[in-house]
Amino acid sequence: MTAANATHEVFNQASALVDLNLFTGNRPLRDALTAYGGPGLPGLDLAALQAAGAEFGSAAMQDHARLANSHAPVLHTHDRWGRRIDEVEFHPSYHALLGSALRHGLHGTPWAAGPGGHVQRAAAFMLFTEAEPSVLCPVSMSYAATPALRANPALQAALGAKLAHTAYDARFVPMAQKAALTMGMGMTEKQGGSDVRSNTTQAAFDGEDGWGRRYALTGHKWFLSAPMCDAFLVLAQAPAGLSCFFMPRWLPGEGGDAPPNAITIQRLKHKLGNHANASSEVEFQGATAWLVGEEGRGVPQILAMGALTRLDCALGTAGLMRQALGLALHHTAQRQAFGKALIAQPLMKNVLADLALESEAATALALRVAVAVDRSEHGGSAHEQVMRRLLTPVAKFWICKRGSGFAQEAMECLGGNGYVEEGGQGVMARIYREMPVNSIWEGAGNIMALDLLRALRGADVAPALEHEFAAARGAHAAFDAAADAVLRQIDGSTGEAQARRLARDVALVLQAALVYRHTQHLGPTAVFDAFCDSRLAQASDVWGLLPARHDLDLLVARAMPAETT
């Protein structure tokens, strides 16, 4: 630039937060894994997590995320000759991201692994979310749908290995031609939303073959996310009631003898965020599908699958929180204002320390649910079964409910730079737009709070919670008082109108107990004390209200991305 048109020199701007290892730089996640056994935990491969952290934190992955979100999926209903094709075209970066997710086993792989597989996958899932969350929709659905096929042994035998395979294949071809498969779900309809019992899609019996009872489905789905998946689990009304069906995109056969199924994509959704992922409205025009389980048992099956996708909502939001926090810390460490770095300004330091507490607590609670899933799938105690049922709606409700406010506060740390998207390079803006989907998808806040009330009726919850609280008893007066209050609320007397309050209270006390457990090796209970003071002793309505007695520098340093100086 010549002196004639030079206006200024660009300085005092933070560098891009790329080329860092998301795993080695995440002390709260590593400490949480250590609390569950660390290197001694069966199935936990720390070297694989380090490799994943390096890959997901690379500049190349961030560039793929930018491109996949900037170049939205395009629906092609017909080819140039007028033939109906119903095919969605993605930017090559979408396929690169999805290939990375499958290569690291984030889809159906844990179901073919031994103990620890779900914990390994949960940690990697959070790390991948820091790179790009929206492509994880088909990954999450594949994870949740895989065990459902156990209800149809023939389908499980034919497809189980492919749903665990890690070699992603982007081609739109029949399942027989692929090594690895992805699965989606089609549950909600225009008139019902979460009330799936009001579904009108009809399933007519159409014979029986090697995959079991075959039906022809006619109707629609208001949300069919990731319509280029190889197959879907859908709900439809059979003669005995709402039932679950396996619907492939292509009918069985070899080569040219395998025609596409009768699934018509009406349009793609124009969404607030989640732009790399295609969410569609579809119609079934006598589409072929096979019964999974028994007729009339569709609701219990979908609830079991929903519990796993709800886990992923909590894991994903925790990952997004960590990414937003990392961006805020990285920016404020480099940006100067009023004579010193923003991170050194007392008010900013308080905000950052408070955000760090929230992020660590979200990571701890989400991972605890994954541990309960893993243990209960591998012969764990009755206690783990109770915690899996109880914690899933609690984590989904609270972590996801906190996500949007967290992203807004982190965005404020960057000021106007955080609000600017700039062709997809403004990562914080993308995070902010992404946050609400995890809160809404798979049941919004009210659905989760009501599910918590149902969980309280299914088991003796009080002893299970007290077991979780026990280690932190006596460490902080506010913790003891809050734990006692929660135990009083779960006696069955909490009504629907107070269910959200109960979900919040259970989440906060559990988060405090987990933070205590995960940070005991640090010596003084600084992280636990700050959490209890700010979440249990006082009702903070904004971030940045940590009492003066707390060591803000310690909290900020603990959360710092390793490569940020």
Protein backbone atom coordinates (compact mmCIF):
# COMPACT_ATOMS: atom_id res chain seq x y z
CA MET A 1 0.00 0.00 0.00
CA THR A 2 1.44 3.34 -1.01
CA ALA A 3 1.64 6.38 1.23
CA ALA A 4 -0.99 8.07 -0.94
CA ASN A 5 -3.75 5.62 -0.02
CA ALA A 6 -2.52 4.24 3.30
CA THR A 7 -4.91 5.22 6.07
CA HIS A 8 -3.50 3.43 9.08
CA GLU A 9 -1.50 0.51 10.37
CA VAL A 10 -3.51 -2.36 11.79
CA PHE A 11 -2.40 -3.16 15.34
CA ASN A 12 -3.87 -4.16 18.71
CA GLN A 13 -5.94 -6.91 17.10
CA ALA A 14 -5.93 -10.48 18.40
CA SER A 15 -4.66 -13.25 16.17
CA ALA A 16 -6.86 -16.12 15.03
CA LEU A 17 -7.25 -18.88 17.61
CA VAL A 18 -6.10 -21.80 15.46
CA ASP A 19 -3.48 -24.53 15.43
CA LEU A 20 -3.84 -25.44 19.09
CA ASN A 21 -4.49 -28.82 20.67
CA LEU A 22 -8.02 -28.64 22.03
CA PHE A 23 -7.46 -31.62 24.33
CA THR A 24 -4.11 -30.86 25.93
CA GLY A 25 -5.23 -27.24 26.40
CA ASN A 26 -8.47 -28.21 28.16
CA ARG A 27 -7.55 -28.74 31.82
CA PRO A 28 -11.14 -29.14 33.08
CA LEU A 29 -11.83 -31.95 30.61
CA ARG A 30 -8.56 -33.70 31.36
CA ASP A 31 -9.17 -33.41 35.11
CA ALA A 32 -12.67 -34.80 34.71
CA LEU A 33 -11.34 -37.82 32.82
CA THR A 34 -8.66 -38.29 35.49
CA ALA A 35 -11.37 -38.37 38.16
CA TYR A 36 -12.94 -41.36 36.39
CA GLY A 37 -9.67 -43.24 36.10
CA GLY A 38 -7.69 -41.34 33.46
CA PRO A 39 -5.21 -43.64 31.71
CA GLY A 40 -6.47 -46.50 33.86
CA LEU A 41 -10.05 -46.19 32.62
CA PRO A 42 -10.79 -49.15 30.34
CA GLY A 43 -11.27 -48.06 26.77
CA LEU A 44 -9.91 -44.56 27.29
CA ASP A 45 -7.21 -43.75 24.74
CA LEU A 46 -5.57 -40.46 25.71
CA ALA A 47 -3.24 -40.57 22.72
CA ALA A 48 -6.26 -40.74 20.41
CA LEU A 49 -7.82 -37.77 22.19
CA GLN A 50 -4.59 -35.82 21.82
CA ALA A 51 -4.56 -36.61 18.10
CA ALA A 52 -8.20 -35.57 17.82
CA GLY A 53 -7.52 -32.37 19.74
CA ALA A 54 -4.71 -31.44 17.36
CA GLU A 55 -6.78 -32.17 14.27
CA PHE A 56 -9.93 -30.43 15.45
CA GLY A 57 -7.99 -27.36 16.60
CA SER A 58 -6.14 -26.92 13.33
CA ALA A 59 -6.47 -23.96 11.00
CA ALA A 60 -7.57 -26.36 8.27
CA MET A 61 -10.57 -27.52 10.31
CA GLN A 62 -11.61 -23.95 11.06
CA ASP A 63 -11.41 -23.18 7.37
CA HIS A 64 -13.60 -26.18 6.60
CA ALA A 65 -16.09 -24.95 9.21
CA ARG A 66 -16.18 -21.50 7.66
CA LEU A 67 -16.71 -22.84 4.15
CA ALA A 68 -19.32 -25.43 5.15
CA ASN A 69 -21.39 -22.75 6.90
CA SER A 70 -20.87 -20.02 4.29
CA HIS A 71 -21.90 -22.29 1.40
CA ALA A 72 -25.21 -23.71 2.58
CA PRO A 73 -26.55 -27.05 1.29
CA VAL A 74 -28.51 -26.86 -1.97
CA LEU A 75 -31.53 -29.05 -2.78
CA HIS A 76 -31.78 -30.45 -6.29
CA THR A 77 -35.26 -31.89 -6.77
CA HIS A 78 -34.74 -32.84 -10.44
CA ASP A 79 -31.88 -33.49 -12.80
CA ARG A 80 -31.40 -31.61 -16.07
CA TRP A 81 -33.62 -34.09 -17.91
CA GLY A 82 -36.54 -33.66 -15.54
CA ARG A 83 -36.13 -36.82 -13.51
CA ARG A 84 -36.88 -36.54 -9.80
CA ILE A 85 -33.67 -37.04 -7.78
CA ASP A 86 -34.23 -35.35 -4.36
CA GLU A 87 -30.55 -34.89 -3.75
CA VAL A 88 -28.83 -32.33 -1.48
CA GLU A 89 -25.48 -30.97 -2.57
CA PHE A 90 -22.96 -29.97 0.11
CA HIS A 91 -19.75 -27.99 -0.07
CA PRO A 92 -16.69 -30.30 -0.08
CA SER A 93 -15.75 -28.95 3.37
CA TYR A 94 -18.93 -30.48 4.80
CA HIS A 95 -17.76 -33.90 3.67
CA ALA A 96 -14.26 -33.25 5.01
CA LEU A 97 -15.71 -32.44 8.43
CA LEU A 98 -18.08 -35.38 8.47
CA GLY A 99 -15.28 -37.67 7.37
CA SER A 100 -13.17 -36.48 10.30
CA ALA A 101 -16.02 -37.11 12.75
CA LEU A 102 -16.51 -40.67 11.55
CA ARG A 103 -12.78 -41.34 11.42
CA HIS A 104 -12.64 -40.56 15.14
CA GLY A 105 -15.59 -42.83 15.90
CA LEU A 106 -18.15 -40.24 16.96
CA HIS A 107 -21.14 -42.04 15.40
CA GLY A 108 -22.05 -45.67 16.06
CA THR A 109 -18.55 -46.86 16.94
CA PRO A 110 -18.94 -46.95 20.77
CA TRP A 111 -21.66 -49.60 20.52
CA ALA A 112 -19.11 -51.98 19.05
CA ALA A 113 -16.47 -51.03 21.63
CA GLY A 114 -15.96 -52.27 25.15
CA PRO A 115 -16.20 -50.39 28.46
CA GLY A 116 -15.06 -46.79 28.24
CA GLY A 117 -16.06 -46.37 24.61
CA HIS A 118 -18.88 -43.95 25.35
CA VAL A 119 -16.64 -41.83 27.60
CA GLN A 120 -13.95 -41.71 24.92
CA ARG A 121 -16.55 -40.72 22.36
CA ALA A 122 -18.08 -38.05 24.63
CA ALA A 123 -14.73 -36.34 25.16
CA ALA A 124 -13.97 -36.37 21.44
CA PHE A 125 -17.49 -35.15 20.64
CA MET A 126 -16.97 -32.08 22.83
CA LEU A 127 -13.63 -31.42 21.17
CA PHE A 128 -15.11 -31.71 17.69
CA THR A 129 -17.88 -29.28 18.59
CA GLU A 130 -15.22 -26.64 19.09
CA ALA A 131 -14.34 -27.07 15.42
CA GLU A 132 -17.83 -27.28 13.91
CA PRO A 133 -21.06 -28.44 15.56
CA SER A 134 -23.66 -28.48 12.78
CA VAL A 135 -22.24 -31.45 10.86
CA LEU A 136 -22.61 -33.47 14.06
CA CYS A 137 -26.35 -33.78 13.58
CA PRO A 138 -26.16 -36.94 11.43
CA VAL A 139 -23.32 -38.18 13.64
CA SER A 140 -25.44 -37.84 16.76
CA MET A 141 -28.46 -39.46 15.14
CA SER A 142 -26.33 -42.37 13.96
CA TYR A 143 -25.08 -42.82 17.53
CA ALA A 144 -28.58 -42.79 18.99
CA ALA A 145 -30.20 -44.94 16.31
CA THR A 146 -27.62 -47.74 16.34
CA PRO A 147 -28.79 -49.53 19.53
CA ALA A 148 -32.43 -49.21 18.46
CA LEU A 149 -31.80 -51.69 15.67
CA ARG A 150 -31.32 -54.38 18.30
CA ALA A 151 -35.11 -54.62 18.24
CA ASN A 152 -34.83 -55.99 14.68
CA PRO A 153 -32.07 -58.63 14.81
CA ALA A 154 -32.00 -59.05 11.03
CA LEU A 155 -31.34 -55.37 10.44
CA GLN A 156 -28.80 -55.29 13.26
CA ALA A 157 -26.94 -58.22 11.75
CA ALA A 158 -26.97 -56.67 8.28
CA LEU A 159 -26.05 -53.10 9.20
CA GLY A 160 -24.50 -53.01 12.67
CA ALA A 161 -20.90 -53.25 11.48
CA LYS A 162 -21.43 -50.53 8.87
CA LEU A 163 -22.84 -48.15 11.47
CA ALA A 164 -19.62 -48.57 13.48
CA HIS A 165 -17.29 -48.30 10.48
CA THR A 166 -15.10 -45.21 10.36
CA ALA A 167 -14.57 -44.79 6.58
CA TYR A 168 -17.08 -42.09 5.58
CA ASP A 169 -18.48 -42.38 2.05
CA ALA A 170 -20.10 -39.22 0.67
CA ARG A 171 -21.62 -40.89 -2.39
CA PHE A 172 -25.38 -41.03 -2.89
CA VAL A 173 -25.50 -44.75 -3.57
CA PRO A 174 -27.24 -47.82 -2.07
CA MET A 175 -26.10 -49.06 1.32
CA ALA A 176 -24.69 -52.26 -0.15
CA GLN A 177 -22.00 -50.21 -1.91
CA LYS A 178 -20.74 -48.50 1.26
CA ALA A 179 -18.49 -49.56 4.11
CA ALA A 180 -19.86 -47.01 6.58
CA LEU A 181 -23.41 -45.74 7.00
CA THR A 182 -25.06 -42.77 8.67
CA MET A 183 -28.61 -42.67 10.00
CA GLY A 184 -31.14 -39.92 10.58
CA MET A 185 -34.50 -39.69 12.31
CA GLY A 186 -37.94 -38.50 11.26
CA MET A 187 -40.27 -38.01 14.19
CA THR A 188 -42.10 -34.68 14.29
CA GLU A 189 -44.91 -33.52 12.04
CA LYS A 190 -46.49 -30.14 11.38
CA GLN A 191 -49.40 -30.57 13.74
CA GLY A 192 -47.61 -32.20 16.66
CA GLY A 193 -44.01 -31.21 17.29
CA SER A 194 -43.01 -32.93 20.52
CA ASP A 195 -46.46 -34.51 20.74
CA VAL A 196 -45.58 -37.40 18.44
CA ARG A 197 -48.74 -39.30 19.41
CA SER A 198 -50.62 -36.89 17.14
CA ASN A 199 -48.62 -38.06 14.10
CA THR A 200 -50.73 -38.85 11.04
CA THR A 201 -48.24 -40.71 8.81
CA GLN A 202 -49.76 -44.11 8.06
CA ALA A 203 -47.99 -47.46 7.78
CA ALA A 204 -49.70 -50.19 5.76
CA PHE A 205 -48.45 -53.77 6.04
CA ASP A 206 -46.77 -54.81 2.78
CA GLY A 207 -45.41 -58.29 3.38
CA GLU A 208 -42.42 -59.90 5.05
CA ASP A 209 -38.85 -60.58 3.93
CA GLY A 210 -35.36 -61.11 5.29
CA TRP A 211 -35.50 -57.81 7.22
CA GLY A 212 -38.81 -58.69 8.87
CA ARG A 213 -42.23 -57.07 8.54
CA ARG A 214 -42.31 -54.57 5.67
CA TYR A 215 -44.66 -51.58 5.42
CA ALA A 216 -45.54 -48.80 2.98
CA LEU A 217 -45.50 -45.37 4.68
CA THR A 218 -47.54 -42.42 3.45
CA GLY A 219 -47.38 -39.04 5.13
CA HIS A 220 -44.86 -36.33 5.98
CA LYS A 221 -42.18 -35.18 8.41
CA TRP A 222 -41.85 -31.50 9.30
CA PHE A 223 -38.21 -31.98 10.32
CA LEU A 224 -36.05 -34.62 8.69
CA SER A 225 -32.54 -33.46 9.45
CA ALA A 226 -29.62 -34.60 7.29
CA PRO A 227 -31.76 -36.05 4.48
CA MET A 228 -28.73 -37.50 2.69
CA CYS A 229 -28.22 -40.08 5.43
CA ASP A 230 -28.32 -43.68 4.25
CA ALA A 231 -31.36 -44.56 6.32
CA PHE A 232 -33.76 -43.17 8.92
CA LEU A 233 -35.77 -44.28 11.89
CA VAL A 234 -39.26 -42.81 11.53
CA LEU A 235 -42.51 -42.91 13.45
CA ALA A 236 -45.79 -43.81 11.78
CA GLN A 237 -49.23 -45.08 12.75
CA ALA A 238 -49.55 -48.84 12.26
CA PRO A 239 -52.75 -50.80 12.99
CA ALA A 240 -51.62 -51.36 16.61
CA GLY A 241 -50.56 -47.73 17.13
CA LEU A 242 -47.53 -45.50 16.76
CA SER A 243 -44.57 -47.61 15.70
CA CYS A 244 -40.91 -47.26 14.78
CA PHE A 245 -39.68 -48.08 11.28
CA PHE A 246 -36.36 -48.36 9.46
CA MET A 247 -36.53 -46.48 6.16
CA PRO A 248 -33.53 -46.63 3.77
CA ARG A 249 -32.88 -43.89 1.21
CA TRP A 250 -32.35 -46.63 -1.39
CA LEU A 251 -34.26 -49.88 -1.54
CA PRO A 252 -32.31 -53.13 -1.12
CA GLY A 253 -30.70 -54.49 -4.24
CA GLU A 254 -27.47 -54.55 -6.15
CA GLY A 255 -26.17 -51.89 -8.52
CA GLY A 256 -28.78 -50.54 -10.90
CA ASP A 257 -31.42 -52.83 -9.41
CA ALA A 258 -31.56 -50.74 -6.20
CA PRO A 259 -33.94 -47.82 -6.81
CA PRO A 260 -34.30 -44.79 -4.50
CA ASN A 261 -37.05 -45.03 -1.90
CA ALA A 262 -40.22 -42.96 -2.30
CA ILE A 263 -38.96 -40.06 -0.16
CA THR A 264 -39.67 -36.62 -1.62
CA ILE A 265 -37.78 -33.64 -0.22
CA GLN A 266 -40.15 -30.65 -0.28
CA ARG A 267 -37.68 -27.99 0.79
CA LEU A 268 -34.74 -27.25 3.08
CA LYS A 269 -35.28 -25.21 6.24
CA HIS A 270 -33.86 -21.69 6.44
CA LYS A 271 -32.61 -21.67 10.04
CA LEU A 272 -31.13 -19.22 12.52
CA GLY A 273 -27.93 -21.24 12.70
CA ASN A 274 -26.76 -24.79 12.01
CA HIS A 275 -26.18 -23.66 8.44
CA ALA A 276 -23.86 -26.44 7.29
CA ASN A 277 -26.49 -29.04 8.12
CA ALA A 278 -29.47 -29.63 5.83
CA SER A 279 -32.78 -29.81 7.67
CA SER A 280 -35.67 -30.73 5.42
CA GLU A 281 -39.39 -31.21 5.06
CA VAL A 282 -40.25 -34.49 3.36
CA GLU A 283 -43.19 -36.50 2.12
CA PHE A 284 -43.44 -40.28 2.00
CA GLN A 285 -45.40 -41.58 -0.96
CA GLY A 286 -45.69 -45.23 -0.12
CA ALA A 287 -42.07 -45.33 1.05
CA THR A 288 -40.84 -48.78 2.01
CA ALA A 289 -39.83 -49.34 5.63
CA TRP A 290 -39.31 -52.22 8.04
CA LEU A 291 -40.74 -52.51 11.53
CA VAL A 292 -38.26 -52.07 14.37
CA GLY A 293 -39.58 -53.68 17.53
CA GLU A 294 -43.28 -54.23 18.06
CA GLU A 295 -46.22 -52.41 16.58
CA GLY A 296 -47.53 -49.78 18.96
CA ARG A 297 -44.21 -49.47 20.83
CA GLY A 298 -42.84 -46.50 18.89
CA VAL A 299 -42.94 -44.03 21.77
CA PRO A 300 -40.75 -46.04 24.18
CA GLN A 301 -38.27 -46.64 21.39
CA ILE A 302 -38.08 -42.99 20.43
CA LEU A 303 -37.66 -42.01 24.07
CA ALA A 304 -34.67 -44.35 24.34
CA MET A 305 -33.10 -42.82 21.24
CA GLY A 306 -33.97 -39.32 22.40
CA ALA A 307 -32.11 -39.88 25.66
CA LEU A 308 -28.91 -40.38 23.66
CA THR A 309 -29.38 -37.39 21.39
CA ARG A 310 -30.16 -35.34 24.49
CA LEU A 311 -26.80 -36.40 25.89
CA ASP A 312 -25.24 -35.05 22.71
CA CYS A 313 -27.11 -31.75 23.12
CA ALA A 314 -25.47 -31.35 26.52
CA LEU A 315 -22.05 -32.44 25.26
CA GLY A 316 -22.33 -30.16 22.24
CA THR A 317 -23.31 -27.11 24.27
CA ALA A 318 -20.47 -27.76 26.71
CA GLY A 319 -18.10 -27.88 23.74
CA LEU A 320 -19.48 -24.64 22.33
CA MET A 321 -19.09 -22.99 25.73
CA ARG A 322 -15.47 -24.06 25.84
CA GLN A 323 -14.86 -22.70 22.34
CA ALA A 324 -16.53 -19.36 23.16
CA LEU A 325 -14.54 -19.10 26.39
CA GLY A 326 -11.30 -19.87 24.56
CA LEU A 327 -11.99 -17.13 22.03
CA ALA A 328 -12.77 -14.64 24.82
CA LEU A 329 -9.62 -15.51 26.77
CA HIS A 330 -7.44 -15.42 23.66
CA HIS A 331 -8.80 -12.03 22.57
CA THR A 332 -8.61 -10.35 25.95
CA ALA A 333 -5.07 -11.60 26.54
CA GLN A 334 -3.90 -9.80 23.39
CA ARG A 335 -6.17 -6.77 23.21
CA GLN A 336 -4.93 -3.65 25.02
CA ALA A 337 -7.27 -1.04 26.49
CA PHE A 338 -6.64 1.81 28.91
CA GLY A 339 -2.97 0.94 29.25
CA LYS A 340 -3.10 -2.81 29.85
CA ALA A 341 -4.47 -6.05 28.47
CA LEU A 342 -8.22 -6.47 28.74
CA ILE A 343 -7.72 -9.69 30.68
CA ALA A 344 -5.93 -7.70 33.41
CA GLN A 345 -8.83 -5.28 33.87
CA PRO A 346 -10.60 -6.21 37.14
CA LEU A 347 -14.16 -6.25 35.77
CA MET A 348 -13.17 -8.23 32.67
CA LYS A 349 -11.22 -10.68 34.81
CA ASN A 350 -14.29 -11.28 36.95
CA VAL A 351 -16.43 -11.96 33.89
CA LEU A 352 -13.86 -14.34 32.41
CA ALA A 353 -13.42 -16.21 35.68
CA ASP A 354 -17.18 -16.59 36.01
CA LEU A 355 -17.49 -17.86 32.45
CA ALA A 356 -14.67 -20.29 33.18
CA LEU A 357 -16.62 -21.68 36.14
CA GLU A 358 -19.71 -22.14 33.98
CA SER A 359 -17.79 -23.89 31.22
CA GLU A 360 -16.04 -26.25 33.62
CA ALA A 361 -19.30 -27.15 35.36
CA ALA A 362 -21.00 -27.82 32.01
CA THR A 363 -18.16 -30.11 30.93
CA ALA A 364 -18.31 -31.96 34.24
CA LEU A 365 -22.07 -32.58 34.15
CA ALA A 366 -22.19 -33.58 30.48
CA LEU A 367 -19.33 -36.04 30.93
CA ARG A 368 -21.00 -37.51 34.04
CA VAL A 369 -24.03 -38.43 31.91
CA ALA A 370 -21.74 -40.11 29.37
CA VAL A 371 -20.07 -42.06 32.19
CA ALA A 372 -23.49 -43.24 33.39
CA VAL A 373 -24.38 -44.35 29.85
CA ASP A 374 -21.10 -46.23 29.53
CA ARG A 375 -21.33 -47.94 32.88
CA SER A 376 -24.98 -48.90 32.49
CA GLU A 377 -24.29 -50.37 29.04
CA HIS A 378 -21.53 -52.56 30.45
CA GLY A 379 -23.10 -54.16 33.48
CA GLY A 380 -22.90 -51.17 35.79
CA SER A 381 -24.65 -50.87 39.11
CA ALA A 382 -28.28 -49.96 39.63
CA HIS A 383 -26.97 -46.59 40.81
CA GLU A 384 -25.62 -45.83 37.34
CA GLN A 385 -28.95 -46.77 35.76
CA VAL A 386 -30.69 -44.28 38.06
CA MET A 387 -28.17 -41.56 37.32
CA ARG A 388 -28.44 -42.13 33.57
CA ARG A 389 -32.21 -41.73 33.70
CA LEU A 390 -32.12 -38.76 36.08
CA LEU A 391 -29.18 -36.79 34.72
CA THR A 392 -30.05 -36.90 31.04
CA PRO A 393 -32.98 -34.44 31.23
CA VAL A 394 -31.25 -32.40 33.93
CA ALA A 395 -28.08 -31.91 31.87
CA LYS A 396 -29.99 -31.29 28.66
CA PHE A 397 -32.18 -28.69 30.39
CA TRP A 398 -29.59 -26.74 32.33
CA ILE A 399 -26.48 -26.80 30.16
CA CYS A 400 -28.41 -25.97 27.00
CA LYS A 401 -30.48 -23.33 28.79
CA ARG A 402 -27.27 -21.55 29.83
CA GLY A 403 -25.69 -21.73 26.41
CA SER A 404 -27.17 -18.69 24.66
CA GLY A 405 -26.53 -16.31 27.55
CA PHE A 406 -23.01 -17.67 27.87
CA ALA A 407 -22.30 -17.05 24.19
CA GLN A 408 -23.64 -13.50 24.42
CA GLU A 409 -21.41 -12.71 27.40
CA ALA A 410 -18.38 -14.21 25.68
CA MET A 411 -19.21 -12.18 22.58
CA GLU A 412 -19.22 -8.99 24.66
CA CYS A 413 -15.66 -9.77 25.69
CA LEU A 414 -14.70 -9.27 22.04
CA GLY A 415 -16.84 -6.16 21.66
CA GLY A 416 -17.82 -5.31 18.10
CA ASN A 417 -15.29 -7.81 16.76
CA GLY A 418 -17.35 -10.60 18.27
CA TYR A 419 -20.53 -9.44 16.56
CA VAL A 420 -19.01 -9.32 13.08
CA GLU A 421 -19.26 -12.43 10.92
CA GLU A 422 -17.03 -11.34 8.00
CA GLY A 423 -17.74 -14.12 5.55
CA GLY A 424 -17.85 -16.82 8.20
CA GLN A 425 -14.57 -15.85 9.86
CA GLY A 426 -16.38 -14.43 12.88
CA VAL A 427 -16.50 -17.68 14.83
CA MET A 428 -18.15 -16.15 17.92
CA ALA A 429 -21.17 -15.06 15.88
CA ARG A 430 -21.51 -18.60 14.52
CA ILE A 431 -21.40 -20.00 18.06
CA TYR A 432 -24.11 -17.59 19.18
CA ARG A 433 -26.41 -18.62 16.33
CA GLU A 434 -25.74 -22.28 17.02
CA MET A 435 -26.54 -22.28 20.74
CA PRO A 436 -30.38 -22.32 20.62
CA VAL A 437 -30.63 -25.46 18.50
CA ASN A 438 -29.35 -27.72 21.29
CA SER A 439 -31.88 -26.22 23.69
CA ILE A 440 -34.78 -26.74 21.27
CA TRP A 441 -33.84 -29.96 19.47
CA GLU A 442 -34.92 -33.23 21.09
CA GLY A 443 -37.25 -31.48 23.53
CA ALA A 444 -37.13 -27.90 24.75
CA GLY A 445 -36.90 -26.85 28.39
CA ASN A 446 -40.43 -27.75 29.45
CA ILE A 447 -40.16 -31.22 27.96
CA MET A 448 -36.93 -31.83 29.89
CA ALA A 449 -38.38 -30.57 33.16
CA LEU A 450 -41.42 -32.84 32.78
CA ASP A 451 -39.16 -35.76 31.92
CA LEU A 452 -37.29 -35.13 35.16
CA LEU A 453 -40.55 -35.50 37.08
CA ARG A 454 -41.16 -38.82 35.32
CA ALA A 455 -37.65 -39.95 36.25
CA LEU A 456 -38.38 -39.26 39.91
CA ARG A 457 -41.28 -41.72 39.79
CA GLY A 458 -39.19 -44.53 38.37
CA ALA A 459 -36.66 -45.19 41.13
CA ASP A 460 -35.52 -44.31 44.62
CA VAL A 461 -33.64 -41.21 43.58
CA ALA A 462 -32.77 -39.69 46.95
CA PRO A 463 -30.10 -42.27 47.94
CA ALA A 464 -28.56 -42.05 44.48
CA LEU A 465 -28.27 -38.28 44.68
CA GLU A 466 -26.92 -38.39 48.22
CA HIS A 467 -24.26 -40.80 47.00
CA GLU A 468 -23.25 -38.22 44.37
CA PHE A 469 -23.24 -35.41 46.94
CA ALA A 470 -21.40 -37.29 49.68
CA ALA A 471 -17.79 -36.38 48.87
CA ALA A 472 -18.50 -32.63 48.95
CA ARG A 473 -20.54 -32.70 52.15
CA GLY A 474 -19.09 -30.39 54.77
CA ALA A 475 -16.86 -28.53 52.30
CA HIS A 476 -19.16 -25.50 51.95
CA ALA A 477 -22.20 -24.44 53.94
CA ALA A 478 -24.12 -23.31 50.87
CA PHE A 479 -23.55 -26.68 49.21
CA ASP A 480 -24.92 -28.57 52.21
CA ALA A 481 -27.98 -26.34 52.37
CA ALA A 482 -28.67 -26.62 48.63
CA ALA A 483 -28.18 -30.40 48.66
CA ASP A 484 -30.63 -30.77 51.53
CA ALA A 485 -33.15 -28.57 49.73
CA VAL A 486 -32.92 -30.69 46.58
CA LEU A 487 -33.46 -33.89 48.52
CA ARG A 488 -36.59 -32.40 50.06
CA GLN A 489 -37.94 -31.47 46.62
CA ILE A 490 -37.69 -34.93 45.08
CA ASP A 491 -40.19 -36.61 47.35
CA GLY A 492 -42.86 -36.46 44.66
CA SER A 493 -44.52 -33.27 45.86
CA THR A 494 -43.02 -31.00 43.19
CA GLY A 495 -45.73 -30.00 40.73
CA GLU A 496 -45.35 -29.34 37.03
CA ALA A 497 -45.28 -25.57 37.49
CA GLN A 498 -42.13 -25.92 39.63
CA ALA A 499 -40.39 -28.55 37.51
CA ARG A 500 -37.95 -26.09 35.94
CA ARG A 501 -36.84 -24.88 39.37
CA LEU A 502 -36.19 -28.45 40.42
CA ALA A 503 -34.20 -29.18 37.24
CA ARG A 504 -32.05 -26.13 37.84
CA ASP A 505 -31.45 -26.93 41.50
CA VAL A 506 -30.51 -30.56 40.84
CA ALA A 507 -28.14 -29.45 38.07
CA LEU A 508 -26.39 -26.84 40.19
CA VAL A 509 -25.82 -29.08 43.20
CA LEU A 510 -24.58 -31.91 40.99
CA GLN A 511 -22.27 -29.54 39.15
CA ALA A 512 -20.86 -28.33 42.45
CA ALA A 513 -20.28 -31.90 43.63
CA LEU A 514 -18.56 -32.82 40.36
CA VAL A 515 -16.36 -29.72 40.38
CA TYR A 516 -15.30 -30.63 43.92
CA ARG A 517 -14.41 -34.15 42.85
CA HIS A 518 -12.56 -33.12 39.70
CA THR A 519 -10.41 -30.45 41.40
CA GLN A 520 -9.50 -32.15 44.68
CA HIS A 521 -6.00 -32.84 43.41
CA LEU A 522 -5.38 -29.08 43.22
CA GLY A 523 -5.34 -28.85 47.01
CA PRO A 524 -7.41 -25.83 48.11
CA THR A 525 -11.01 -25.92 46.92
CA ALA A 526 -10.80 -22.60 45.08
CA VAL A 527 -12.87 -23.65 42.06
CA PHE A 528 -15.52 -25.38 44.18
CA ASP A 529 -15.75 -22.46 46.63
CA ALA A 530 -16.20 -19.93 43.84
CA PHE A 531 -18.89 -22.06 42.23
CA CYS A 532 -20.80 -22.49 45.49
CA ASP A 533 -20.56 -18.80 46.41
CA SER A 534 -21.76 -17.63 43.00
CA ARG A 535 -24.37 -20.31 42.15
CA LEU A 536 -25.65 -21.60 45.49
CA ALA A 537 -25.06 -18.88 48.11
CA GLN A 538 -26.27 -16.08 45.84
CA ALA A 539 -28.59 -15.97 42.84
CA SER A 540 -26.39 -14.35 40.19
CA ASP A 541 -28.44 -13.06 37.27
CA VAL A 542 -25.43 -11.99 35.18
CA TRP A 543 -21.86 -13.19 34.88
CA GLY A 544 -19.07 -11.27 36.56
CA LEU A 545 -20.43 -11.13 40.13
CA LEU A 546 -17.82 -13.30 41.84
CA PRO A 547 -17.15 -12.07 45.39
CA ALA A 548 -13.90 -10.20 45.96
CA ARG A 549 -12.34 -12.93 48.12
CA HIS A 550 -11.88 -15.36 45.21
CA ASP A 551 -8.64 -15.85 43.31
CA LEU A 552 -9.72 -14.69 39.85
CA ASP A 553 -6.24 -15.16 38.43
CA LEU A 554 -6.29 -18.84 39.36
CA LEU A 555 -9.69 -19.38 37.74
CA VAL A 556 -8.67 -17.60 34.55
CA ALA A 557 -5.31 -19.37 34.30
CA ARG A 558 -7.00 -22.77 34.72
CA ALA A 559 -9.27 -22.08 31.75
CA MET A 560 -6.65 -20.58 29.44
CA PRO A 561 -6.07 -22.31 26.10
CA ALA A 562 -2.56 -23.69 26.38
CA GLU A 563 -1.13 -21.87 23.39
CA THR A 564 -2.51 -18.45 24.34
CA THR A 565 0.00 -16.07 25.96
